[in-house]
Amino acid sequence: MRDGNRAYLAAITGRHTLWVKNIQVNPSVSLRLTDGTYTGAARVIAPGDPAYEAAHERFCGVVHPFDYLENVFHRKGLPSRRKIVELHRAWFEGGTPLVVELDTRA
């Protein structure tokens, strides 16, 4: 999820995900978004970090049209805003959230 010069991600399988380990060793990343590819610095965020609350709101509180299709693959029954928010909250809170401070387009 993008918010200005920040992008928020969640590794739903946690800290042991290889790409999270790679970021912890080398935080320089390249991130492809709808309007182009950006370079930036990524880091894991945790409760108490000011970026955590912003990431939680952006990741869990915003529902996009694609989320309804995505929800079909992860939850039973018809998708609803409530189910999507619950799914995103489970991914965010059960996984490892990260913030990418976007620098410039690559």
PDB file of N, CA and C in Angstrom:
ATOM      1  N   MET A   1       0.841  -1.166   0.000  1.00  0.00           N
ATOM      2  CA  MET A   1       0.000   0.000   0.000  1.00  0.00           C
ATOM      3  C   MET A   1       0.893   1.238   0.000  1.00  0.00           C
ATOM      4  N   ARG A   2       0.579   2.177  -0.844  1.00  0.00           N
ATOM      5  CA  ARG A   2       1.392   3.391  -0.925  1.00  0.00           C
ATOM      6  C   ARG A   2       0.674   4.549  -0.257  1.00  0.00           C
ATOM      7  N   ASP A   3       1.472   5.387   0.404  1.00  0.00           N
ATOM      8  CA  ASP A   3       0.962   6.600   1.027  1.00  0.00           C
ATOM      9  C   ASP A   3       2.048   7.665   0.888  1.00  0.00           C
ATOM     10  N   GLY A   4       1.928   8.494  -0.151  1.00  0.00           N
ATOM     11  CA  GLY A   4       2.930   9.525  -0.392  1.00  0.00           C
ATOM     12  C   GLY A   4       4.275   8.923  -0.748  1.00  0.00           C
ATOM     13  N   ASN A   5       5.304   9.291   0.012  1.00  0.00           N
ATOM     14  CA  ASN A   5       6.648   8.777  -0.268  1.00  0.00           C
ATOM     15  C   ASN A   5       6.971   7.515   0.542  1.00  0.00           C
ATOM     16  N   ARG A   6       5.928   6.856   1.028  1.00  0.00           N
ATOM     17  CA  ARG A   6       6.104   5.597   1.760  1.00  0.00           C
ATOM     18  C   ARG A   6       5.238   4.508   1.132  1.00  0.00           C
ATOM     19  N   ALA A   7       5.751   3.296   1.200  1.00  0.00           N
ATOM     20  CA  ALA A   7       4.971   2.123   0.807  1.00  0.00           C
ATOM     21  C   ALA A   7       5.009   1.153   1.984  1.00  0.00           C
ATOM     22  N   TYR A   8       3.877   0.538   2.261  1.00  0.00           N
ATOM     23  CA  TYR A   8       3.770  -0.395   3.378  1.00  0.00           C
ATOM     24  C   TYR A   8       3.547  -1.802   2.835  1.00  0.00           C
ATOM     25  N   LEU A   9       4.295  -2.741   3.368  1.00  0.00           N
ATOM     26  CA  LEU A   9       4.222  -4.135   2.955  1.00  0.00           C
ATOM     27  C   LEU A   9       4.052  -5.001   4.197  1.00  0.00           C
ATOM     28  N   ALA A  10       3.602  -6.217   3.985  1.00  0.00           N
ATOM     29  CA  ALA A  10       3.544  -7.176   5.089  1.00  0.00           C
ATOM     30  C   ALA A  10       3.980  -8.533   4.569  1.00  0.00           C
ATOM     31  N   ALA A  11       4.952  -9.122   5.234  1.00  0.00           N
ATOM     32  CA  ALA A  11       5.370 -10.490   4.935  1.00  0.00           C
ATOM     33  C   ALA A  11       4.450 -11.390   5.749  1.00  0.00           C
ATOM     34  N   ILE A  12       3.469 -11.993   5.097  1.00  0.00           N
ATOM     35  CA  ILE A  12       2.437 -12.709   5.844  1.00  0.00           C
ATOM     36  C   ILE A  12       2.965 -13.981   6.498  1.00  0.00           C
ATOM     37  N   THR A  13       4.143 -14.451   6.077  1.00  0.00           N
ATOM     38  CA  THR A  13       4.718 -15.636   6.718  1.00  0.00           C
ATOM     39  C   THR A  13       5.746 -15.282   7.781  1.00  0.00           C
ATOM     40  N   GLY A  14       5.917 -13.998   8.052  1.00  0.00           N
ATOM     41  CA  GLY A  14       6.738 -13.581   9.180  1.00  0.00           C
ATOM     42  C   GLY A  14       8.184 -13.241   8.864  1.00  0.00           C
ATOM     43  N   ARG A  15       8.961 -13.099   9.941  1.00  0.00           N
ATOM     44  CA  ARG A  15      10.365 -12.667   9.846  1.00  0.00           C
ATOM     45  C   ARG A  15      11.270 -13.671   9.143  1.00  0.00           C
ATOM     46  N   HIS A  16      10.841 -14.904   9.039  1.00  0.00           N
ATOM     47  CA  HIS A  16      11.697 -15.934   8.457  1.00  0.00           C
ATOM     48  C   HIS A  16      11.597 -15.986   6.941  1.00  0.00           C
ATOM     49  N   THR A  17      10.778 -15.122   6.377  1.00  0.00           N
ATOM     50  CA  THR A  17      10.681 -15.013   4.927  1.00  0.00           C
ATOM     51  C   THR A  17      12.031 -14.523   4.401  1.00  0.00           C
ATOM     52  N   LEU A  18      12.515 -15.154   3.356  1.00  0.00           N
ATOM     53  CA  LEU A  18      13.855 -14.819   2.861  1.00  0.00           C
ATOM     54  C   LEU A  18      13.979 -13.367   2.421  1.00  0.00           C
ATOM     55  N   TRP A  19      12.940 -12.809   1.799  1.00  0.00           N
ATOM     56  CA  TRP A  19      13.077 -11.418   1.350  1.00  0.00           C
ATOM     57  C   TRP A  19      13.144 -10.460   2.529  1.00  0.00           C
ATOM     58  N   VAL A  20      12.534 -10.802   3.659  1.00  0.00           N
ATOM     59  CA  VAL A  20      12.656  -9.963   4.860  1.00  0.00           C
ATOM     60  C   VAL A  20      14.082 -10.059   5.402  1.00  0.00           C
ATOM     61  N   LYS A  21      14.634 -11.260   5.427  1.00  0.00           N
ATOM     62  CA  LYS A  21      16.021 -11.420   5.876  1.00  0.00           C
ATOM     63  C   LYS A  21      16.974 -10.633   4.979  1.00  0.00           C
ATOM     64  N   ASN A  22      16.722 -10.661   3.668  1.00  0.00           N
ATOM     65  CA  ASN A  22      17.561  -9.898   2.742  1.00  0.00           C
ATOM     66  C   ASN A  22      17.478  -8.403   3.033  1.00  0.00           C
ATOM     67  N   ILE A  23      16.285  -7.901   3.306  1.00  0.00           N
ATOM     68  CA  ILE A  23      16.106  -6.476   3.612  1.00  0.00           C
ATOM     69  C   ILE A  23      16.826  -6.108   4.905  1.00  0.00           C
ATOM     70  N   GLN A  24      16.811  -7.000   5.889  1.00  0.00           N
ATOM     71  CA  GLN A  24      17.492  -6.707   7.146  1.00  0.00           C
ATOM     72  C   GLN A  24      19.005  -6.608   6.953  1.00  0.00           C
ATOM     73  N   VAL A  25      19.540  -7.322   5.983  1.00  0.00           N
ATOM     74  CA  VAL A  25      20.969  -7.256   5.684  1.00  0.00           C
ATOM     75  C   VAL A  25      21.278  -6.066   4.777  1.00  0.00           C
ATOM     76  N   ASN A  26      20.426  -5.851   3.769  1.00  0.00           N
ATOM     77  CA  ASN A  26      20.627  -4.765   2.815  1.00  0.00           C
ATOM     78  C   ASN A  26      19.283  -4.080   2.568  1.00  0.00           C
ATOM     79  N   PRO A  27      19.014  -2.959   3.226  1.00  0.00           N
ATOM     80  CA  PRO A  27      17.707  -2.307   3.129  1.00  0.00           C
ATOM     81  C   PRO A  27      17.438  -1.573   1.816  1.00  0.00           C
ATOM     82  N   SER A  28      18.414  -1.484   0.927  1.00  0.00           N
ATOM     83  CA  SER A  28      18.191  -0.823  -0.365  1.00  0.00           C
ATOM     84  C   SER A  28      17.319  -1.714  -1.239  1.00  0.00           C
ATOM     85  N   VAL A  29      16.195  -1.165  -1.689  1.00  0.00           N
ATOM     86  CA  VAL A  29      15.246  -1.953  -2.477  1.00  0.00           C
ATOM     87  C   VAL A  29      14.829  -1.197  -3.725  1.00  0.00           C
ATOM     88  N   SER A  30      14.251  -1.949  -4.631  1.00  0.00           N
ATOM     89  CA  SER A  30      13.608  -1.404  -5.818  1.00  0.00           C
ATOM     90  C   SER A  30      12.179  -1.921  -5.769  1.00  0.00           C
ATOM     91  N   LEU A  31      11.220  -1.033  -5.900  1.00  0.00           N
ATOM     92  CA  LEU A  31       9.814  -1.400  -5.742  1.00  0.00           C
ATOM     93  C   LEU A  31       9.037  -0.938  -6.963  1.00  0.00           C
ATOM     94  N   ARG A  32       8.350  -1.870  -7.631  1.00  0.00           N
ATOM     95  CA  ARG A  32       7.560  -1.536  -8.807  1.00  0.00           C
ATOM     96  C   ARG A  32       6.126  -1.222  -8.377  1.00  0.00           C
ATOM     97  N   LEU A  33       5.698  -0.005  -8.653  1.00  0.00           N
ATOM     98  CA  LEU A  33       4.341   0.445  -8.343  1.00  0.00           C
ATOM     99  C   LEU A  33       3.618   0.762  -9.644  1.00  0.00           C
ATOM    100  N   THR A  34       2.342   1.087  -9.564  1.00  0.00           N
ATOM    101  CA  THR A  34       1.568   1.328 -10.780  1.00  0.00           C
ATOM    102  C   THR A  34       2.095   2.491 -11.612  1.00  0.00           C
ATOM    103  N   ASP A  35       2.712   3.471 -10.982  1.00  0.00           N
ATOM    104  CA  ASP A  35       3.199   4.637 -11.730  1.00  0.00           C
ATOM    105  C   ASP A  35       4.698   4.596 -12.004  1.00  0.00           C
ATOM    106  N   GLY A  36       5.344   3.472 -11.777  1.00  0.00           N
ATOM    107  CA  GLY A  36       6.762   3.347 -12.083  1.00  0.00           C
ATOM    108  C   GLY A  36       7.509   2.538 -11.047  1.00  0.00           C
ATOM    109  N   THR A  37       8.809   2.438 -11.252  1.00  0.00           N
ATOM    110  CA  THR A  37       9.687   1.712 -10.343  1.00  0.00           C
ATOM    111  C   THR A  37      10.470   2.717  -9.514  1.00  0.00           C
ATOM    112  N   TYR A  38      10.535   2.473  -8.222  1.00  0.00           N
ATOM    113  CA  TYR A  38      11.188   3.389  -7.284  1.00  0.00           C
ATOM    114  C   TYR A  38      12.295   2.671  -6.533  1.00  0.00           C
ATOM    115  N   THR A  39      13.303   3.433  -6.135  1.00  0.00           N
ATOM    116  CA  THR A  39      14.307   2.928  -5.209  1.00  0.00           C
ATOM    117  C   THR A  39      13.938   3.443  -3.824  1.00  0.00           C
ATOM    118  N   GLY A  40      14.469   2.804  -2.820  1.00  0.00           N
ATOM    119  CA  GLY A  40      14.172   3.244  -1.463  1.00  0.00           C
ATOM    120  C   GLY A  40      14.884   2.391  -0.433  1.00  0.00           C
ATOM    121  N   ALA A  41      14.586   2.688   0.816  1.00  0.00           N
ATOM    122  CA  ALA A  41      15.145   1.942   1.942  1.00  0.00           C
ATOM    123  C   ALA A  41      13.989   1.320   2.718  1.00  0.00           C
ATOM    124  N   ALA A  42      14.072   0.019   2.943  1.00  0.00           N
ATOM    125  CA  ALA A  42      13.015  -0.708   3.643  1.00  0.00           C
ATOM    126  C   ALA A  42      13.482  -1.093   5.036  1.00  0.00           C
ATOM    127  N   ARG A  43      12.516  -1.199   5.941  1.00  0.00           N
ATOM    128  CA  ARG A  43      12.835  -1.653   7.295  1.00  0.00           C
ATOM    129  C   ARG A  43      11.597  -2.268   7.921  1.00  0.00           C
ATOM    130  N   VAL A  44      11.836  -3.198   8.822  1.00  0.00           N
ATOM    131  CA  VAL A  44      10.759  -3.825   9.586  1.00  0.00           C
ATOM    132  C   VAL A  44      10.258  -2.811  10.606  1.00  0.00           C
ATOM    133  N   ILE A  45       8.944  -2.778  10.808  1.00  0.00           N
ATOM    134  CA  ILE A  45       8.355  -1.877  11.808  1.00  0.00           C
ATOM    135  C   ILE A  45       7.583  -2.701  12.835  1.00  0.00           C
ATOM    136  N   ALA A  46       7.509  -2.182  14.048  1.00  0.00           N
ATOM    137  CA  ALA A  46       6.847  -2.889  15.147  1.00  0.00           C
ATOM    138  C   ALA A  46       6.001  -1.896  15.937  1.00  0.00           C
ATOM    139  N   PRO A  47       5.069  -2.394  16.760  1.00  0.00           N
ATOM    140  CA  PRO A  47       4.284  -1.486  17.597  1.00  0.00           C
ATOM    141  C   PRO A  47       5.201  -0.554  18.377  1.00  0.00           C
ATOM    142  N   GLY A  48       4.812   0.708  18.458  1.00  0.00           N
ATOM    143  CA  GLY A  48       5.630   1.715  19.114  1.00  0.00           C
ATOM    144  C   GLY A  48       6.377   2.580  18.115  1.00  0.00           C
ATOM    145  N   ASP A  49       6.631   2.046  16.933  1.00  0.00           N
ATOM    146  CA  ASP A  49       7.259   2.813  15.853  1.00  0.00           C
ATOM    147  C   ASP A  49       6.171   3.700  15.248  1.00  0.00           C
ATOM    148  N   PRO A  50       6.427   5.002  15.077  1.00  0.00           N
ATOM    149  CA  PRO A  50       5.403   5.880  14.493  1.00  0.00           C
ATOM    150  C   PRO A  50       4.888   5.385  13.137  1.00  0.00           C
ATOM    151  N   ALA A  51       5.729   4.728  12.368  1.00  0.00           N
ATOM    152  CA  ALA A  51       5.301   4.229  11.061  1.00  0.00           C
ATOM    153  C   ALA A  51       4.345   3.044  11.187  1.00  0.00           C
ATOM    154  N   TYR A  52       4.372   2.356  12.328  1.00  0.00           N
ATOM    155  CA  TYR A  52       3.531   1.168  12.505  1.00  0.00           C
ATOM    156  C   TYR A  52       2.045   1.523  12.453  1.00  0.00           C
ATOM    157  N   GLU A  53       1.657   2.553  13.183  1.00  0.00           N
ATOM    158  CA  GLU A  53       0.241   2.943  13.213  1.00  0.00           C
ATOM    159  C   GLU A  53      -0.239   3.396  11.839  1.00  0.00           C
ATOM    160  N   ALA A  54       0.587   4.175  11.147  1.00  0.00           N
ATOM    161  CA  ALA A  54       0.225   4.622   9.796  1.00  0.00           C
ATOM    162  C   ALA A  54       0.104   3.424   8.858  1.00  0.00           C
ATOM    163  N   ALA A  55       1.028   2.482   8.982  1.00  0.00           N
ATOM    164  CA  ALA A  55       0.998   1.287   8.144  1.00  0.00           C
ATOM    165  C   ALA A  55      -0.239   0.447   8.446  1.00  0.00           C
ATOM    166  N   HIS A  56      -0.560   0.298   9.717  1.00  0.00           N
ATOM    167  CA  HIS A  56      -1.733  -0.488  10.110  1.00  0.00           C
ATOM    168  C   HIS A  56      -3.002   0.119   9.518  1.00  0.00           C
ATOM    169  N   GLU A  57      -3.146   1.418   9.620  1.00  0.00           N
ATOM    170  CA  GLU A  57      -4.332   2.096   9.078  1.00  0.00           C
ATOM    171  C   GLU A  57      -4.399   1.944   7.565  1.00  0.00           C
ATOM    172  N   ARG A  58      -3.290   2.134   6.901  1.00  0.00           N
ATOM    173  CA  ARG A  58      -3.264   2.075   5.437  1.00  0.00           C
ATOM    174  C   ARG A  58      -3.471   0.646   4.945  1.00  0.00           C
ATOM    175  N   PHE A  59      -2.849  -0.313   5.592  1.00  0.00           N
ATOM    176  CA  PHE A  59      -2.918  -1.703   5.156  1.00  0.00           C
ATOM    177  C   PHE A  59      -4.262  -2.342   5.509  1.00  0.00           C
ATOM    178  N   CYS A  60      -4.773  -2.039   6.696  1.00  0.00           N
ATOM    179  CA  CYS A  60      -5.979  -2.705   7.191  1.00  0.00           C
ATOM    180  C   CYS A  60      -7.254  -1.901   6.983  1.00  0.00           C
ATOM    181  N   GLY A  61      -7.147  -0.599   6.841  1.00  0.00           N
ATOM    182  CA  GLY A  61      -8.340   0.234   6.798  1.00  0.00           C
ATOM    183  C   GLY A  61      -8.811   0.641   5.421  1.00  0.00           C
ATOM    184  N   VAL A  62      -8.049   0.308   4.390  1.00  0.00           N
ATOM    185  CA  VAL A  62      -8.398   0.713   3.030  1.00  0.00           C
ATOM    186  C   VAL A  62      -8.706  -0.533   2.216  1.00  0.00           C
ATOM    187  N   VAL A  63      -9.829  -0.527   1.510  1.00  0.00           N
ATOM    188  CA  VAL A  63     -10.230  -1.659   0.679  1.00  0.00           C
ATOM    189  C   VAL A  63     -10.289  -1.186  -0.774  1.00  0.00           C
ATOM    190  N   HIS A  64      -9.616  -1.927  -1.648  1.00  0.00           N
ATOM    191  CA  HIS A  64      -9.586  -1.627  -3.080  1.00  0.00           C
ATOM    192  C   HIS A  64     -10.420  -2.664  -3.826  1.00  0.00           C
ATOM    193  N   PRO A  65     -10.878  -2.355  -5.040  1.00  0.00           N
ATOM    194  CA  PRO A  65     -11.685  -3.324  -5.795  1.00  0.00           C
ATOM    195  C   PRO A  65     -11.009  -4.694  -5.952  1.00  0.00           C
ATOM    196  N   PHE A  66      -9.696  -4.721  -6.169  1.00  0.00           N
ATOM    197  CA  PHE A  66      -8.983  -5.994  -6.324  1.00  0.00           C
ATOM    198  C   PHE A  66      -9.096  -6.865  -5.077  1.00  0.00           C
ATOM    199  N   ASP A  67      -9.219  -6.247  -3.913  1.00  0.00           N
ATOM    200  CA  ASP A  67      -9.282  -6.994  -2.656  1.00  0.00           C
ATOM    201  C   ASP A  67     -10.465  -7.958  -2.618  1.00  0.00           C
ATOM    202  N   TYR A  68     -11.552  -7.623  -3.315  1.00  0.00           N
ATOM    203  CA  TYR A  68     -12.714  -8.510  -3.336  1.00  0.00           C
ATOM    204  C   TYR A  68     -12.378  -9.816  -4.057  1.00  0.00           C
ATOM    205  N   LEU A  69     -11.650  -9.715  -5.169  1.00  0.00           N
ATOM    206  CA  LEU A  69     -11.228 -10.917  -5.885  1.00  0.00           C
ATOM    207  C   LEU A  69     -10.221 -11.705  -5.054  1.00  0.00           C
ATOM    208  N   GLU A  70      -9.262 -11.010  -4.481  1.00  0.00           N
ATOM    209  CA  GLU A  70      -8.245 -11.654  -3.646  1.00  0.00           C
ATOM    210  C   GLU A  70      -8.910 -12.420  -2.494  1.00  0.00           C
ATOM    211  N   ASN A  71      -9.949 -11.849  -1.921  1.00  0.00           N
ATOM    212  CA  ASN A  71     -10.639 -12.445  -0.782  1.00  0.00           C
ATOM    213  C   ASN A  71     -11.269 -13.787  -1.137  1.00  0.00           C
ATOM    214  N   VAL A  72     -11.715 -13.938  -2.384  1.00  0.00           N
ATOM    215  CA  VAL A  72     -12.333 -15.188  -2.830  1.00  0.00           C
ATOM    216  C   VAL A  72     -11.362 -16.357  -2.673  1.00  0.00           C
ATOM    217  N   PHE A  73     -10.072 -16.108  -2.860  1.00  0.00           N
ATOM    218  CA  PHE A  73      -9.070 -17.169  -2.783  1.00  0.00           C
ATOM    219  C   PHE A  73      -8.673 -17.516  -1.350  1.00  0.00           C
ATOM    220  N   HIS A  74      -9.017 -16.665  -0.397  1.00  0.00           N
ATOM    221  CA  HIS A  74      -8.561 -16.867   0.981  1.00  0.00           C
ATOM    222  C   HIS A  74      -9.679 -17.108   1.993  1.00  0.00           C
ATOM    223  N   ARG A  75     -10.903 -16.749   1.655  1.00  0.00           N
ATOM    224  CA  ARG A  75     -12.018 -16.870   2.604  1.00  0.00           C
ATOM    225  C   ARG A  75     -13.201 -17.546   1.928  1.00  0.00           C
ATOM    226  N   LYS A  76     -14.010 -18.227   2.711  1.00  0.00           N
ATOM    227  CA  LYS A  76     -15.222 -18.855   2.190  1.00  0.00           C
ATOM    228  C   LYS A  76     -16.344 -17.828   2.110  1.00  0.00           C
ATOM    229  N   GLY A  77     -17.285 -18.074   1.220  1.00  0.00           N
ATOM    230  CA  GLY A  77     -18.450 -17.206   1.097  1.00  0.00           C
ATOM    231  C   GLY A  77     -18.171 -15.973   0.249  1.00  0.00           C
ATOM    232  N   LEU A  78     -19.194 -15.160   0.126  1.00  0.00           N
ATOM    233  CA  LEU A  78     -19.072 -13.933  -0.664  1.00  0.00           C
ATOM    234  C   LEU A  78     -18.169 -12.931   0.037  1.00  0.00           C
ATOM    235  N   PRO A  79     -17.323 -12.242  -0.731  1.00  0.00           N
ATOM    236  CA  PRO A  79     -16.459 -11.230  -0.120  1.00  0.00           C
ATOM    237  C   PRO A  79     -17.268 -10.046   0.394  1.00  0.00           C
ATOM    238  N   SER A  80     -16.813  -9.464   1.466  1.00  0.00           N
ATOM    239  CA  SER A  80     -17.430  -8.248   2.005  1.00  0.00           C
ATOM    240  C   SER A  80     -16.313  -7.367   2.548  1.00  0.00           C
ATOM    241  N   ARG A  81     -16.615  -6.111   2.734  1.00  0.00           N
ATOM    242  CA  ARG A  81     -15.617  -5.197   3.285  1.00  0.00           C
ATOM    243  C   ARG A  81     -15.117  -5.713   4.639  1.00  0.00           C
ATOM    244  N   ARG A  82     -16.012  -6.197   5.478  1.00  0.00           N
ATOM    245  CA  ARG A  82     -15.636  -6.706   6.799  1.00  0.00           C
ATOM    246  C   ARG A  82     -14.665  -7.880   6.679  1.00  0.00           C
ATOM    247  N   LYS A  83     -14.948  -8.828   5.777  1.00  0.00           N
ATOM    248  CA  LYS A  83     -14.068  -9.982   5.597  1.00  0.00           C
ATOM    249  C   LYS A  83     -12.690  -9.560   5.084  1.00  0.00           C
ATOM    250  N   ILE A  84     -12.669  -8.594   4.179  1.00  0.00           N
ATOM    251  CA  ILE A  84     -11.399  -8.117   3.626  1.00  0.00           C
ATOM    252  C   ILE A  84     -10.571  -7.450   4.712  1.00  0.00           C
ATOM    253  N   VAL A  85     -11.190  -6.602   5.508  1.00  0.00           N
ATOM    254  CA  VAL A  85     -10.470  -5.923   6.595  1.00  0.00           C
ATOM    255  C   VAL A  85      -9.945  -6.950   7.596  1.00  0.00           C
ATOM    256  N   GLU A  86     -10.745  -7.959   7.930  1.00  0.00           N
ATOM    257  CA  GLU A  86     -10.297  -9.017   8.847  1.00  0.00           C
ATOM    258  C   GLU A  86      -9.098  -9.766   8.276  1.00  0.00           C
ATOM    259  N   LEU A  87      -9.139 -10.075   6.981  1.00  0.00           N
ATOM    260  CA  LEU A  87      -8.038 -10.785   6.338  1.00  0.00           C
ATOM    261  C   LEU A  87      -6.768  -9.945   6.348  1.00  0.00           C
ATOM    262  N   HIS A  88      -6.890  -8.684   5.978  1.00  0.00           N
ATOM    263  CA  HIS A  88      -5.720  -7.798   5.967  1.00  0.00           C
ATOM    264  C   HIS A  88      -5.163  -7.606   7.378  1.00  0.00           C
ATOM    265  N   ARG A  89      -6.037  -7.492   8.360  1.00  0.00           N
ATOM    266  CA  ARG A  89      -5.585  -7.344   9.747  1.00  0.00           C
ATOM    267  C   ARG A  89      -4.827  -8.602  10.195  1.00  0.00           C
ATOM    268  N   ALA A  90      -5.327  -9.775   9.839  1.00  0.00           N
ATOM    269  CA  ALA A  90      -4.646 -11.026  10.198  1.00  0.00           C
ATOM    270  C   ALA A  90      -3.273 -11.098   9.542  1.00  0.00           C
ATOM    271  N   TRP A  91      -3.171 -10.699   8.292  1.00  0.00           N
ATOM    272  CA  TRP A  91      -1.877 -10.703   7.603  1.00  0.00           C
ATOM    273  C   TRP A  91      -0.922  -9.720   8.257  1.00  0.00           C
ATOM    274  N   PHE A  92      -1.413  -8.524   8.541  1.00  0.00           N
ATOM    275  CA  PHE A  92      -0.556  -7.476   9.101  1.00  0.00           C
ATOM    276  C   PHE A  92      -0.098  -7.829  10.509  1.00  0.00           C
ATOM    277  N   GLU A  93      -1.036  -8.187  11.369  1.00  0.00           N
ATOM    278  CA  GLU A  93      -0.717  -8.437  12.775  1.00  0.00           C
ATOM    279  C   GLU A  93      -0.028  -9.779  12.991  1.00  0.00           C
ATOM    280  N   GLY A  94      -0.280 -10.751  12.120  1.00  0.00           N
ATOM    281  CA  GLY A  94       0.353 -12.057  12.250  1.00  0.00           C
ATOM    282  C   GLY A  94       1.649 -12.178  11.474  1.00  0.00           C
ATOM    283  N   GLY A  95       1.881 -11.227  10.599  1.00  0.00           N
ATOM    284  CA  GLY A  95       3.082 -11.254   9.770  1.00  0.00           C
ATOM    285  C   GLY A  95       4.115 -10.251  10.252  1.00  0.00           C
ATOM    286  N   THR A  96       4.931  -9.808   9.326  1.00  0.00           N
ATOM    287  CA  THR A  96       5.972  -8.830   9.614  1.00  0.00           C
ATOM    288  C   THR A  96       5.739  -7.606   8.742  1.00  0.00           C
ATOM    289  N   PRO A  97       5.288  -6.495   9.328  1.00  0.00           N
ATOM    290  CA  PRO A  97       5.073  -5.286   8.527  1.00  0.00           C
ATOM    291  C   PRO A  97       6.383  -4.549   8.261  1.00  0.00           C
ATOM    292  N   LEU A  98       6.457  -3.941   7.094  1.00  0.00           N
ATOM    293  CA  LEU A  98       7.633  -3.174   6.693  1.00  0.00           C
ATOM    294  C   LEU A  98       7.191  -1.848   6.095  1.00  0.00           C
ATOM    295  N   VAL A  99       8.085  -0.881   6.151  1.00  0.00           N
ATOM    296  CA  VAL A  99       7.873   0.394   5.478  1.00  0.00           C
ATOM    297  C   VAL A  99       9.037   0.598   4.520  1.00  0.00           C
ATOM    298  N   VAL A 100       8.724   1.113   3.341  1.00  0.00           N
ATOM    299  CA  VAL A 100       9.752   1.489   2.371  1.00  0.00           C
ATOM    300  C   VAL A 100       9.677   2.997   2.211  1.00  0.00           C
ATOM    301  N   GLU A 101      10.772   3.664   2.534  1.00  0.00           N
ATOM    302  CA  GLU A 101      10.887   5.107   2.317  1.00  0.00           C
ATOM    303  C   GLU A 101      11.333   5.280   0.873  1.00  0.00           C
ATOM    304  N   LEU A 102      10.414   5.731   0.018  1.00  0.00           N
ATOM    305  CA  LEU A 102      10.698   5.840  -1.408  1.00  0.00           C
ATOM    306  C   LEU A 102      11.572   7.049  -1.695  1.00  0.00           C
ATOM    307  N   ASP A 103      12.613   6.834  -2.499  1.00  0.00           N
ATOM    308  CA  ASP A 103      13.519   7.921  -2.866  1.00  0.00           C
ATOM    309  C   ASP A 103      13.116   8.521  -4.206  1.00  0.00           C
ATOM    310  N   THR A 104      13.503   7.879  -5.261  1.00  0.00           N
ATOM    311  CA  THR A 104      13.266   8.400  -6.601  1.00  0.00           C
ATOM    312  C   THR A 104      12.864   7.268  -7.521  1.00  0.00           C
ATOM    313  N   ARG A 105      12.345   7.653  -8.665  1.00  0.00           N
ATOM    314  CA  ARG A 105      12.058   6.638  -9.675  1.00  0.00           C
ATOM    315  C   ARG A 105      13.366   6.091 -10.205  1.00  0.00           C
ATOM    316  N   ALA A 106      13.385   4.798 -10.407  1.00  0.00           N
ATOM    317  CA  ALA A 106      14.608   4.142 -10.918  1.00  0.00           C
ATOM    318  C   ALA A 106      14.718   4.320 -12.419  1.00  0.00           C
TER     319      ALA A 106
END
